[in-house]
Amino acid sequence: GLTLAQQEVLFVGGKGGVGKTTTASALALRLAERGERCLLVSTD
């Protein structure tokens, strides 16, 4: 599992088609359901 501190900004990146959007979305939803206010931004 990832070890996150209190980083305010997270970048999820990689080669096209490897599942960046899925990873970013799953991480954002997980954090949101833990009670953190999250903004998920797509720049692709």
PDB file of all heavy atoms in Angstrom:
ATOM      1  N   GLY A   1       0.818  -1.207   0.000  1.00  0.00           N
ATOM      2  CA  GLY A   1       0.000   0.000   0.000  1.00  0.00           C
ATOM      3  C   GLY A   1       0.850   1.255   0.000  1.00  0.00           C
ATOM      4  O   GLY A   1       2.021   1.236   0.369  1.00  0.00           O
ATOM      5  N   LEU A   2       0.263   2.337  -0.445  1.00  0.00           N
ATOM      6  CA  LEU A   2       0.964   3.620  -0.456  1.00  0.00           C
ATOM      7  C   LEU A   2       1.083   4.167   0.962  1.00  0.00           C
ATOM      8  O   LEU A   2       0.194   3.973   1.791  1.00  0.00           O
ATOM      9  CB  LEU A   2       0.199   4.631  -1.315  1.00  0.00           C
ATOM     10  CG  LEU A   2       0.232   4.430  -2.827  1.00  0.00           C
ATOM     11  CD1 LEU A   2      -0.809   5.328  -3.487  1.00  0.00           C
ATOM     12  CD2 LEU A   2       1.619   4.728  -3.377  1.00  0.00           C
ATOM     13  N   THR A   3       2.180   4.850   1.211  1.00  0.00           N
ATOM     14  CA  THR A   3       2.365   5.533   2.485  1.00  0.00           C
ATOM     15  C   THR A   3       2.252   7.028   2.234  1.00  0.00           C
ATOM     16  O   THR A   3       3.152   7.651   1.672  1.00  0.00           O
ATOM     17  CB  THR A   3       3.741   5.203   3.102  1.00  0.00           C
ATOM     18  OG1 THR A   3       3.844   3.794   3.293  1.00  0.00           O
ATOM     19  CG2 THR A   3       3.906   5.900   4.442  1.00  0.00           C
ATOM     20  N   LEU A   4       1.105   7.587   2.607  1.00  0.00           N
ATOM     21  CA  LEU A   4       0.857   9.009   2.401  1.00  0.00           C
ATOM     22  C   LEU A   4       0.939   9.741   3.721  1.00  0.00           C
ATOM     23  O   LEU A   4       0.469   9.249   4.750  1.00  0.00           O
ATOM     24  CB  LEU A   4      -0.526   9.235   1.785  1.00  0.00           C
ATOM     25  CG  LEU A   4      -0.803   8.618   0.410  1.00  0.00           C
ATOM     26  CD1 LEU A   4      -2.210   9.010  -0.043  1.00  0.00           C
ATOM     27  CD2 LEU A   4       0.228   9.062  -0.604  1.00  0.00           C
ATOM     28  N   ALA A   5       1.563  10.913   3.688  1.00  0.00           N
ATOM     29  CA  ALA A   5       1.533  11.809   4.836  1.00  0.00           C
ATOM     30  C   ALA A   5       0.375  12.782   4.614  1.00  0.00           C
ATOM     31  O   ALA A   5      -0.712  12.377   4.234  1.00  0.00           O
ATOM     32  CB  ALA A   5       2.879  12.517   4.977  1.00  0.00           C
ATOM     33  N   GLN A   6       0.631  14.055   4.799  1.00  0.00           N
ATOM     34  CA  GLN A   6      -0.429  15.048   4.608  1.00  0.00           C
ATOM     35  C   GLN A   6      -0.192  15.870   3.350  1.00  0.00           C
ATOM     36  O   GLN A   6      -0.535  17.048   3.301  1.00  0.00           O
ATOM     37  CB  GLN A   6      -0.498  15.964   5.835  1.00  0.00           C
ATOM     38  CG  GLN A   6      -0.864  15.248   7.121  1.00  0.00           C
ATOM     39  CD  GLN A   6      -2.217  14.561   7.029  1.00  0.00           C
ATOM     40  OE1 GLN A   6      -3.182  15.150   6.549  1.00  0.00           O
ATOM     41  NE2 GLN A   6      -2.292  13.334   7.486  1.00  0.00           N
ATOM     42  N   GLN A   7       0.401  15.258   2.317  1.00  0.00           N
ATOM     43  CA  GLN A   7       0.632  15.997   1.069  1.00  0.00           C
ATOM     44  C   GLN A   7      -0.687  16.558   0.543  1.00  0.00           C
ATOM     45  O   GLN A   7      -1.662  15.835   0.395  1.00  0.00           O
ATOM     46  CB  GLN A   7       1.264  15.095   0.011  1.00  0.00           C
ATOM     47  CG  GLN A   7       2.667  14.636   0.325  1.00  0.00           C
ATOM     48  CD  GLN A   7       2.706  13.312   1.064  1.00  0.00           C
ATOM     49  OE1 GLN A   7       1.678  12.824   1.529  1.00  0.00           O
ATOM     50  NE2 GLN A   7       3.885  12.718   1.159  1.00  0.00           N
ATOM     51  N   GLU A   8      -0.668  17.846   0.245  1.00  0.00           N
ATOM     52  CA  GLU A   8      -1.883  18.502  -0.246  1.00  0.00           C
ATOM     53  C   GLU A   8      -2.121  18.228  -1.725  1.00  0.00           C
ATOM     54  O   GLU A   8      -3.265  18.274  -2.185  1.00  0.00           O
ATOM     55  CB  GLU A   8      -1.774  20.015  -0.024  1.00  0.00           C
ATOM     56  CG  GLU A   8      -1.521  20.415   1.416  1.00  0.00           C
ATOM     57  CD  GLU A   8      -0.836  21.764   1.523  1.00  0.00           C
ATOM     58  OE1 GLU A   8      -1.298  22.701   0.842  1.00  0.00           O
ATOM     59  OE2 GLU A   8       0.149  21.872   2.267  1.00  0.00           O
ATOM     60  N   VAL A   9      -1.051  17.992  -2.484  1.00  0.00           N
ATOM     61  CA  VAL A   9      -1.154  17.809  -3.928  1.00  0.00           C
ATOM     62  C   VAL A   9      -0.498  16.498  -4.315  1.00  0.00           C
ATOM     63  O   VAL A   9       0.647  16.221  -3.941  1.00  0.00           O
ATOM     64  CB  VAL A   9      -0.477  18.977  -4.687  1.00  0.00           C
ATOM     65  CG1 VAL A   9      -0.568  18.746  -6.193  1.00  0.00           C
ATOM     66  CG2 VAL A   9      -1.115  20.307  -4.313  1.00  0.00           C
ATOM     67  N   LEU A  10      -1.231  15.668  -5.062  1.00  0.00           N
ATOM     68  CA  LEU A  10      -0.718  14.394  -5.545  1.00  0.00           C
ATOM     69  C   LEU A  10      -0.845  14.349  -7.062  1.00  0.00           C
ATOM     70  O   LEU A  10      -1.886  14.717  -7.615  1.00  0.00           O
ATOM     71  CB  LEU A  10      -1.499  13.225  -4.932  1.00  0.00           C
ATOM     72  CG  LEU A  10      -1.490  13.111  -3.399  1.00  0.00           C
ATOM     73  CD1 LEU A  10      -2.445  12.017  -2.947  1.00  0.00           C
ATOM     74  CD2 LEU A  10      -0.086  12.840  -2.881  1.00  0.00           C
ATOM     75  N   PHE A  11       0.224  13.916  -7.735  1.00  0.00           N
ATOM     76  CA  PHE A  11       0.198  13.706  -9.172  1.00  0.00           C
ATOM     77  C   PHE A  11       0.244  12.211  -9.442  1.00  0.00           C
ATOM     78  O   PHE A  11       1.102  11.507  -8.909  1.00  0.00           O
ATOM     79  CB  PHE A  11       1.403  14.373  -9.851  1.00  0.00           C
ATOM     80  CG  PHE A  11       1.340  15.871  -9.888  1.00  0.00           C
ATOM     81  CD1 PHE A  11       1.838  16.629  -8.843  1.00  0.00           C
ATOM     82  CD2 PHE A  11       0.786  16.534 -10.981  1.00  0.00           C
ATOM     83  CE1 PHE A  11       1.785  18.014  -8.869  1.00  0.00           C
ATOM     84  CE2 PHE A  11       0.733  17.917 -11.018  1.00  0.00           C
ATOM     85  CZ  PHE A  11       1.231  18.660  -9.963  1.00  0.00           C
ATOM     86  N   VAL A  12      -0.674  11.729 -10.278  1.00  0.00           N
ATOM     87  CA  VAL A  12      -0.669  10.329 -10.695  1.00  0.00           C
ATOM     88  C   VAL A  12      -0.389  10.322 -12.190  1.00  0.00           C
ATOM     89  O   VAL A  12      -1.174  10.842 -12.985  1.00  0.00           O
ATOM     90  CB  VAL A  12      -2.019   9.642 -10.391  1.00  0.00           C
ATOM     91  CG1 VAL A  12      -1.987   8.188 -10.838  1.00  0.00           C
ATOM     92  CG2 VAL A  12      -2.331   9.735  -8.892  1.00  0.00           C
ATOM     93  N   GLY A  13       0.758   9.757 -12.592  1.00  0.00           N
ATOM     94  CA  GLY A  13       1.168   9.818 -13.995  1.00  0.00           C
ATOM     95  C   GLY A  13       1.770   8.519 -14.479  1.00  0.00           C
ATOM     96  O   GLY A  13       1.972   7.575 -13.713  1.00  0.00           O
ATOM     97  N   GLY A  14       2.068   8.467 -15.767  1.00  0.00           N
ATOM     98  CA  GLY A  14       2.657   7.286 -16.383  1.00  0.00           C
ATOM     99  C   GLY A  14       2.352   7.267 -17.871  1.00  0.00           C
ATOM    100  O   GLY A  14       1.729   8.182 -18.409  1.00  0.00           O
ATOM    101  N   LYS A  15       2.792   6.229 -18.515  1.00  0.00           N
ATOM    102  CA  LYS A  15       2.564   6.071 -19.950  1.00  0.00           C
ATOM    103  C   LYS A  15       1.069   5.955 -20.234  1.00  0.00           C
ATOM    104  O   LYS A  15       0.305   5.455 -19.404  1.00  0.00           O
ATOM    105  CB  LYS A  15       3.308   4.827 -20.444  1.00  0.00           C
ATOM    106  CG  LYS A  15       3.240   4.599 -21.948  1.00  0.00           C
ATOM    107  CD  LYS A  15       4.102   3.413 -22.354  1.00  0.00           C
ATOM    108  CE  LYS A  15       3.908   3.074 -23.831  1.00  0.00           C
ATOM    109  NZ  LYS A  15       4.298   4.195 -24.713  1.00  0.00           N
ATOM    110  N   GLY A  16       0.656   6.400 -21.402  1.00  0.00           N
ATOM    111  CA  GLY A  16      -0.761   6.315 -21.755  1.00  0.00           C
ATOM    112  C   GLY A  16      -1.270   4.886 -21.738  1.00  0.00           C
ATOM    113  O   GLY A  16      -0.602   3.963 -22.195  1.00  0.00           O
ATOM    114  N   GLY A  17      -2.451   4.683 -21.173  1.00  0.00           N
ATOM    115  CA  GLY A  17      -3.100   3.385 -21.205  1.00  0.00           C
ATOM    116  C   GLY A  17      -2.734   2.421 -20.097  1.00  0.00           C
ATOM    117  O   GLY A  17      -3.128   1.253 -20.142  1.00  0.00           O
ATOM    118  N   VAL A  18      -1.998   2.888 -19.068  1.00  0.00           N
ATOM    119  CA  VAL A  18      -1.587   1.954 -18.004  1.00  0.00           C
ATOM    120  C   VAL A  18      -2.538   1.981 -16.810  1.00  0.00           C
ATOM    121  O   VAL A  18      -2.371   1.181 -15.873  1.00  0.00           O
ATOM    122  CB  VAL A  18      -0.150   2.258 -17.521  1.00  0.00           C
ATOM    123  CG1 VAL A  18       0.845   2.064 -18.649  1.00  0.00           C
ATOM    124  CG2 VAL A  18      -0.043   3.666 -16.944  1.00  0.00           C
ATOM    125  N   GLY A  19      -3.522   2.863 -16.822  1.00  0.00           N
ATOM    126  CA  GLY A  19      -4.484   2.899 -15.724  1.00  0.00           C
ATOM    127  C   GLY A  19      -4.304   4.059 -14.770  1.00  0.00           C
ATOM    128  O   GLY A  19      -4.650   3.956 -13.589  1.00  0.00           O
ATOM    129  N   LYS A  20      -3.794   5.195 -15.266  1.00  0.00           N
ATOM    130  CA  LYS A  20      -3.604   6.361 -14.403  1.00  0.00           C
ATOM    131  C   LYS A  20      -4.933   6.882 -13.859  1.00  0.00           C
ATOM    132  O   LYS A  20      -5.047   7.190 -12.679  1.00  0.00           O
ATOM    133  CB  LYS A  20      -2.913   7.492 -15.179  1.00  0.00           C
ATOM    134  CG  LYS A  20      -1.532   7.168 -15.688  1.00  0.00           C
ATOM    135  CD  LYS A  20      -0.892   8.368 -16.346  1.00  0.00           C
ATOM    136  CE  LYS A  20      -1.726   8.933 -17.490  1.00  0.00           C
ATOM    137  NZ  LYS A  20      -1.898   7.960 -18.596  1.00  0.00           N
ATOM    138  N   THR A  21      -5.919   7.010 -14.744  1.00  0.00           N
ATOM    139  CA  THR A  21      -7.209   7.562 -14.321  1.00  0.00           C
ATOM    140  C   THR A  21      -7.868   6.665 -13.288  1.00  0.00           C
ATOM    141  O   THR A  21      -8.422   7.149 -12.291  1.00  0.00           O
ATOM    142  CB  THR A  21      -8.130   7.746 -15.540  1.00  0.00           C
ATOM    143  OG1 THR A  21      -7.514   8.633 -16.472  1.00  0.00           O
ATOM    144  CG2 THR A  21      -9.471   8.316 -15.127  1.00  0.00           C
ATOM    145  N   THR A  22      -7.812   5.358 -13.504  1.00  0.00           N
ATOM    146  CA  THR A  22      -8.382   4.416 -12.548  1.00  0.00           C
ATOM    147  C   THR A  22      -7.688   4.540 -11.199  1.00  0.00           C
ATOM    148  O   THR A  22      -8.333   4.578 -10.143  1.00  0.00           O
ATOM    149  CB  THR A  22      -8.249   2.982 -13.071  1.00  0.00           C
ATOM    150  OG1 THR A  22      -8.981   2.861 -14.296  1.00  0.00           O
ATOM    151  CG2 THR A  22      -8.800   1.981 -12.070  1.00  0.00           C
ATOM    152  N   THR A  23      -6.357   4.601 -11.222  1.00  0.00           N
ATOM    153  CA  THR A  23      -5.590   4.712  -9.975  1.00  0.00           C
ATOM    154  C   THR A  23      -5.908   6.008  -9.248  1.00  0.00           C
ATOM    155  O   THR A  23      -6.157   6.013  -8.037  1.00  0.00           O
ATOM    156  CB  THR A  23      -4.081   4.622 -10.268  1.00  0.00           C
ATOM    157  OG1 THR A  23      -3.797   3.372 -10.911  1.00  0.00           O
ATOM    158  CG2 THR A  23      -3.268   4.733  -8.996  1.00  0.00           C
ATOM    159  N   ALA A  24      -5.887   7.131  -9.979  1.00  0.00           N
ATOM    160  CA  ALA A  24      -6.175   8.430  -9.361  1.00  0.00           C
ATOM    161  C   ALA A  24      -7.587   8.461  -8.791  1.00  0.00           C
ATOM    162  O   ALA A  24      -7.819   8.970  -7.685  1.00  0.00           O
ATOM    163  CB  ALA A  24      -5.983   9.543 -10.385  1.00  0.00           C
ATOM    164  N   SER A  25      -8.543   7.914  -9.528  1.00  0.00           N
ATOM    165  CA  SER A  25      -9.940   7.931  -9.086  1.00  0.00           C
ATOM    166  C   SER A  25     -10.139   7.052  -7.861  1.00  0.00           C
ATOM    167  O   SER A  25     -10.841   7.435  -6.914  1.00  0.00           O
ATOM    168  CB  SER A  25     -10.851   7.466 -10.222  1.00  0.00           C
ATOM    169  OG  SER A  25     -10.742   8.315 -11.348  1.00  0.00           O
ATOM    170  N   ALA A  26      -9.532   5.854  -7.874  1.00  0.00           N
ATOM    171  CA  ALA A  26      -9.665   4.950  -6.734  1.00  0.00           C
ATOM    172  C   ALA A  26      -9.027   5.558  -5.491  1.00  0.00           C
ATOM    173  O   ALA A  26      -9.569   5.459  -4.376  1.00  0.00           O
ATOM    174  CB  ALA A  26      -9.020   3.605  -7.054  1.00  0.00           C
ATOM    175  N   LEU A  27      -7.873   6.193  -5.665  1.00  0.00           N
ATOM    176  CA  LEU A  27      -7.199   6.828  -4.535  1.00  0.00           C
ATOM    177  C   LEU A  27      -8.027   7.985  -3.985  1.00  0.00           C
ATOM    178  O   LEU A  27      -8.186   8.133  -2.767  1.00  0.00           O
ATOM    179  CB  LEU A  27      -5.826   7.318  -4.987  1.00  0.00           C
ATOM    180  CG  LEU A  27      -4.969   8.046  -3.951  1.00  0.00           C
ATOM    181  CD1 LEU A  27      -4.660   7.127  -2.772  1.00  0.00           C
ATOM    182  CD2 LEU A  27      -3.668   8.533  -4.597  1.00  0.00           C
ATOM    183  N   ALA A  28      -8.570   8.811  -4.882  1.00  0.00           N
ATOM    184  CA  ALA A  28      -9.374   9.955  -4.448  1.00  0.00           C
ATOM    185  C   ALA A  28     -10.626   9.501  -3.702  1.00  0.00           C
ATOM    186  O   ALA A  28     -10.986  10.073  -2.660  1.00  0.00           O
ATOM    187  CB  ALA A  28      -9.755  10.806  -5.663  1.00  0.00           C
ATOM    188  N   LEU A  29     -11.296   8.472  -4.223  1.00  0.00           N
ATOM    189  CA  LEU A  29     -12.509   7.978  -3.570  1.00  0.00           C
ATOM    190  C   LEU A  29     -12.181   7.386  -2.204  1.00  0.00           C
ATOM    191  O   LEU A  29     -12.921   7.594  -1.231  1.00  0.00           O
ATOM    192  CB  LEU A  29     -13.185   6.932  -4.459  1.00  0.00           C
ATOM    193  CG  LEU A  29     -14.518   6.380  -3.946  1.00  0.00           C
ATOM    194  CD1 LEU A  29     -15.546   7.496  -3.795  1.00  0.00           C
ATOM    195  CD2 LEU A  29     -15.051   5.295  -4.882  1.00  0.00           C
ATOM    196  N   ARG A  30     -11.060   6.661  -2.130  1.00  0.00           N
ATOM    197  CA  ARG A  30     -10.645   6.068  -0.854  1.00  0.00           C
ATOM    198  C   ARG A  30     -10.399   7.155   0.196  1.00  0.00           C
ATOM    199  O   ARG A  30     -10.849   7.046   1.341  1.00  0.00           O
ATOM    200  CB  ARG A  30      -9.377   5.241  -1.075  1.00  0.00           C
ATOM    201  CG  ARG A  30      -8.842   4.532   0.176  1.00  0.00           C
ATOM    202  CD  ARG A  30      -9.728   3.392   0.584  1.00  0.00           C
ATOM    203  NE  ARG A  30      -9.087   2.515   1.542  1.00  0.00           N
ATOM    204  CZ  ARG A  30      -9.695   1.520   2.166  1.00  0.00           C
ATOM    205  NH1 ARG A  30     -10.986   1.280   1.919  1.00  0.00           N
ATOM    206  NH2 ARG A  30      -9.048   0.751   3.026  1.00  0.00           N
ATOM    207  N   LEU A  31      -9.684   8.198  -0.192  1.00  0.00           N
ATOM    208  CA  LEU A  31      -9.398   9.293   0.738  1.00  0.00           C
ATOM    209  C   LEU A  31     -10.670  10.040   1.129  1.00  0.00           C
ATOM    210  O   LEU A  31     -10.852  10.425   2.287  1.00  0.00           O
ATOM    211  CB  LEU A  31      -8.394  10.252   0.099  1.00  0.00           C
ATOM    212  CG  LEU A  31      -6.956   9.725  -0.045  1.00  0.00           C
ATOM    213  CD1 LEU A  31      -6.145  10.646  -0.941  1.00  0.00           C
ATOM    214  CD2 LEU A  31      -6.292   9.581   1.315  1.00  0.00           C
ATOM    215  N   ALA A  32     -11.559  10.236   0.146  1.00  0.00           N
ATOM    216  CA  ALA A  32     -12.822  10.934   0.428  1.00  0.00           C
ATOM    217  C   ALA A  32     -13.667  10.155   1.429  1.00  0.00           C
ATOM    218  O   ALA A  32     -14.277  10.745   2.335  1.00  0.00           O
ATOM    219  CB  ALA A  32     -13.589  11.153  -0.871  1.00  0.00           C
ATOM    220  N   GLU A  33     -13.685   8.832   1.281  1.00  0.00           N
ATOM    221  CA  GLU A  33     -14.492   8.016   2.185  1.00  0.00           C
ATOM    222  C   GLU A  33     -13.843   7.896   3.563  1.00  0.00           C
ATOM    223  O   GLU A  33     -14.490   7.438   4.505  1.00  0.00           O
ATOM    224  CB  GLU A  33     -14.746   6.646   1.561  1.00  0.00           C
ATOM    225  CG  GLU A  33     -15.666   6.746   0.337  1.00  0.00           C
ATOM    226  CD  GLU A  33     -16.035   5.405  -0.257  1.00  0.00           C
ATOM    227  OE1 GLU A  33     -15.335   4.405   0.038  1.00  0.00           O
ATOM    228  OE2 GLU A  33     -17.027   5.346  -1.013  1.00  0.00           O
ATOM    229  N   ARG A  34     -12.596   8.308   3.653  1.00  0.00           N
ATOM    230  CA  ARG A  34     -11.948   8.402   4.960  1.00  0.00           C
ATOM    231  C   ARG A  34     -12.184   9.759   5.613  1.00  0.00           C
ATOM    232  O   ARG A  34     -11.675  10.038   6.689  1.00  0.00           O
ATOM    233  CB  ARG A  34     -10.444   8.170   4.824  1.00  0.00           C
ATOM    234  CG  ARG A  34     -10.067   6.718   4.553  1.00  0.00           C
ATOM    235  CD  ARG A  34      -8.549   6.562   4.550  1.00  0.00           C
ATOM    236  NE  ARG A  34      -8.159   5.159   4.496  1.00  0.00           N
ATOM    237  CZ  ARG A  34      -6.897   4.721   4.582  1.00  0.00           C
ATOM    238  NH1 ARG A  34      -5.912   5.607   4.713  1.00  0.00           N
ATOM    239  NH2 ARG A  34      -6.614   3.444   4.533  1.00  0.00           N
ATOM    240  N   GLY A  35     -12.931  10.618   4.930  1.00  0.00           N
ATOM    241  CA  GLY A  35     -13.300  11.904   5.518  1.00  0.00           C
ATOM    242  C   GLY A  35     -12.526  13.102   5.014  1.00  0.00           C
ATOM    243  O   GLY A  35     -12.721  14.213   5.509  1.00  0.00           O
ATOM    244  N   GLU A  36     -11.663  12.928   3.999  1.00  0.00           N
ATOM    245  CA  GLU A  36     -10.894  14.043   3.462  1.00  0.00           C
ATOM    246  C   GLU A  36     -11.622  14.662   2.264  1.00  0.00           C
ATOM    247  O   GLU A  36     -12.149  13.944   1.422  1.00  0.00           O
ATOM    248  CB  GLU A  36      -9.496  13.575   3.032  1.00  0.00           C
ATOM    249  CG  GLU A  36      -8.654  13.021   4.172  1.00  0.00           C
ATOM    250  CD  GLU A  36      -7.216  12.778   3.747  1.00  0.00           C
ATOM    251  OE1 GLU A  36      -6.735  13.501   2.851  1.00  0.00           O
ATOM    252  OE2 GLU A  36      -6.573  11.866   4.306  1.00  0.00           O
ATOM    253  N   ARG A  37     -11.625  15.989   2.222  1.00  0.00           N
ATOM    254  CA  ARG A  37     -12.195  16.696   1.074  1.00  0.00           C
ATOM    255  C   ARG A  37     -11.190  16.638  -0.078  1.00  0.00           C
ATOM    256  O   ARG A  37     -10.052  17.111   0.059  1.00  0.00           O
ATOM    257  CB  ARG A  37     -12.510  18.155   1.428  1.00  0.00           C
ATOM    258  CG  ARG A  37     -13.735  18.339   2.293  1.00  0.00           C
ATOM    259  CD  ARG A  37     -13.877  19.787   2.728  1.00  0.00           C
ATOM    260  NE  ARG A  37     -13.908  20.691   1.587  1.00  0.00           N
ATOM    261  CZ  ARG A  37     -15.016  21.008   0.898  1.00  0.00           C
ATOM    262  NH1 ARG A  37     -16.177  20.490   1.255  1.00  0.00           N
ATOM    263  NH2 ARG A  37     -14.952  21.850  -0.119  1.00  0.00           N
ATOM    264  N   CYS A  38     -11.608  16.050  -1.212  1.00  0.00           N
ATOM    265  CA  CYS A  38     -10.686  15.822  -2.324  1.00  0.00           C
ATOM    266  C   CYS A  38     -11.217  16.435  -3.618  1.00  0.00           C
ATOM    267  O   CYS A  38     -12.417  16.343  -3.906  1.00  0.00           O
ATOM    268  CB  CYS A  38     -10.464  14.326  -2.551  1.00  0.00           C
ATOM    269  SG  CYS A  38      -9.703  13.469  -1.165  1.00  0.00           S
ATOM    270  N   LEU A  39     -10.294  17.012  -4.389  1.00  0.00           N
ATOM    271  CA  LEU A  39     -10.594  17.469  -5.743  1.00  0.00           C
ATOM    272  C   LEU A  39      -9.769  16.615  -6.698  1.00  0.00           C
ATOM    273  O   LEU A  39      -8.543  16.598  -6.627  1.00  0.00           O
ATOM    274  CB  LEU A  39     -10.232  18.947  -5.912  1.00  0.00           C
ATOM    275  CG  LEU A  39     -10.401  19.507  -7.335  1.00  0.00           C
ATOM    276  CD1 LEU A  39     -11.865  19.447  -7.769  1.00  0.00           C
ATOM    277  CD2 LEU A  39      -9.875  20.941  -7.424  1.00  0.00           C
ATOM    278  N   LEU A  40     -10.449  15.915  -7.599  1.00  0.00           N
ATOM    279  CA  LEU A  40      -9.810  15.048  -8.582  1.00  0.00           C
ATOM    280  C   LEU A  40      -9.804  15.776  -9.923  1.00  0.00           C
ATOM    281  O   LEU A  40     -10.862  16.104 -10.463  1.00  0.00           O
ATOM    282  CB  LEU A  40     -10.582  13.729  -8.681  1.00  0.00           C
ATOM    283  CG  LEU A  40     -10.111  12.700  -9.699  1.00  0.00           C
ATOM    284  CD1 LEU A  40      -8.674  12.277  -9.449  1.00  0.00           C
ATOM    285  CD2 LEU A  40     -11.041  11.475  -9.662  1.00  0.00           C
ATOM    286  N   VAL A  41      -8.609  16.040 -10.455  1.00  0.00           N
ATOM    287  CA  VAL A  41      -8.461  16.878 -11.647  1.00  0.00           C
ATOM    288  C   VAL A  41      -7.838  16.066 -12.772  1.00  0.00           C
ATOM    289  O   VAL A  41      -6.759  15.491 -12.610  1.00  0.00           O
ATOM    290  CB  VAL A  41      -7.570  18.111 -11.368  1.00  0.00           C
ATOM    291  CG1 VAL A  41      -7.496  19.002 -12.603  1.00  0.00           C
ATOM    292  CG2 VAL A  41      -8.081  18.880 -10.161  1.00  0.00           C
ATOM    293  N   SER A  42      -8.492  16.029 -13.920  1.00  0.00           N
ATOM    294  CA  SER A  42      -7.935  15.385 -15.107  1.00  0.00           C
ATOM    295  C   SER A  42      -7.321  16.444 -16.012  1.00  0.00           C
ATOM    296  O   SER A  42      -7.978  17.412 -16.382  1.00  0.00           O
ATOM    297  CB  SER A  42      -9.021  14.624 -15.871  1.00  0.00           C
ATOM    298  OG  SER A  42      -8.503  14.137 -17.104  1.00  0.00           O
ATOM    299  N   THR A  43      -6.048  16.249 -16.368  1.00  0.00           N
ATOM    300  CA  THR A  43      -5.389  17.149 -17.315  1.00  0.00           C
ATOM    301  C   THR A  43      -5.131  16.465 -18.647  1.00  0.00           C
ATOM    302  O   THR A  43      -4.559  17.070 -19.552  1.00  0.00           O
ATOM    303  CB  THR A  43      -4.041  17.645 -16.754  1.00  0.00           C
ATOM    304  OG1 THR A  43      -3.132  16.544 -16.659  1.00  0.00           O
ATOM    305  CG2 THR A  43      -4.222  18.268 -15.381  1.00  0.00           C
ATOM    306  N   ASP A  44      -5.519  15.210 -18.756  1.00  0.00           N
ATOM    307  CA  ASP A  44      -5.311  14.454 -19.994  1.00  0.00           C
ATOM    308  C   ASP A  44      -6.369  14.871 -21.012  1.00  0.00           C
ATOM    309  O   ASP A  44      -7.559  14.871 -20.703  1.00  0.00           O
ATOM    310  CB  ASP A  44      -5.418  12.956 -19.706  1.00  0.00           C
ATOM    311  CG  ASP A  44      -4.884  12.093 -20.842  1.00  0.00           C
ATOM    312  OD1 ASP A  44      -4.979  12.532 -22.010  1.00  0.00           O
ATOM    313  OD2 ASP A  44      -4.386  10.995 -20.574  1.00  0.00           O
TER     314      ASP A  44
END
